[in-house]
Protein backbone atom coordinates (compact mmCIF):
# COMPACT_ATOMS: atom_id res chain seq x y z
CA MET A 1 -38.64 -77.77 -60.68
CA THR A 2 -34.87 -77.65 -60.75
CA SER A 3 -32.86 -74.67 -61.89
CA THR A 4 -31.80 -76.62 -65.00
CA GLU A 5 -35.45 -77.12 -65.94
CA LYS A 6 -36.21 -73.45 -65.32
CA ILE A 7 -33.34 -72.42 -67.58
CA ALA A 8 -34.48 -74.80 -70.31
CA ASN A 9 -38.04 -73.43 -70.13
CA ALA A 10 -36.76 -69.86 -70.22
CA LYS A 11 -34.67 -70.61 -73.33
CA LYS A 12 -37.74 -72.08 -75.03
CA ARG A 13 -39.79 -68.97 -74.21
CA ILE A 14 -37.02 -66.69 -75.47
CA SER A 15 -36.78 -68.53 -78.79
CA GLU A 16 -40.59 -68.41 -79.17
CA LEU A 17 -40.57 -64.66 -78.52
CA GLU A 18 -37.74 -64.14 -81.02
CA ARG A 19 -39.77 -66.01 -83.67
CA LEU A 20 -42.80 -63.83 -82.93
CA ILE A 21 -40.75 -60.65 -83.19
CA LYS A 22 -39.40 -61.72 -86.58
CA CYS A 23 -42.92 -62.51 -87.74
CA TRP A 24 -44.21 -59.12 -86.56
CA ASP A 25 -41.30 -57.31 -88.20
CA THR A 26 -41.99 -58.91 -91.59
CA SER A 27 -45.73 -58.29 -91.34
CA GLU A 28 -45.11 -54.61 -90.52
CA ASP A 29 -42.82 -54.33 -93.56
CA LYS A 30 -45.54 -55.81 -95.76
CA ASN A 31 -48.10 -53.38 -94.33
CA ILE A 32 -45.78 -50.44 -94.97
CA ASN A 33 -45.34 -51.56 -98.60
CA ASN A 34 -49.13 -51.81 -99.00
CA ILE A 35 -49.59 -48.32 -97.57
CA ASP A 36 -46.97 -46.94 -99.98
CA LEU A 37 -48.75 -48.52 -102.92
CA GLU A 38 -52.09 -47.10 -101.83
CA VAL A 39 -50.60 -43.62 -101.45
CA ASN A 40 -48.99 -43.87 -104.88
CA ASN A 41 -52.29 -44.94 -106.45
CA GLU A 42 -54.06 -41.96 -104.88
CA LYS A 43 -51.45 -39.57 -106.28
CA VAL A 44 -51.85 -41.00 -109.80
CA ALA A 45 -55.65 -40.86 -109.57
CA ALA A 46 -55.62 -37.25 -108.35
């Protein structure tokens, strides 16, 4: 494998990892919002 091919493969892996990170960040934000709603519901019920 040439160095050009290695660089191309590395760029592909980096872009895949960046997409995963964005996906994880948005899913964590959604989970945090769900937790806030659950906490608020418990306060109202109590």
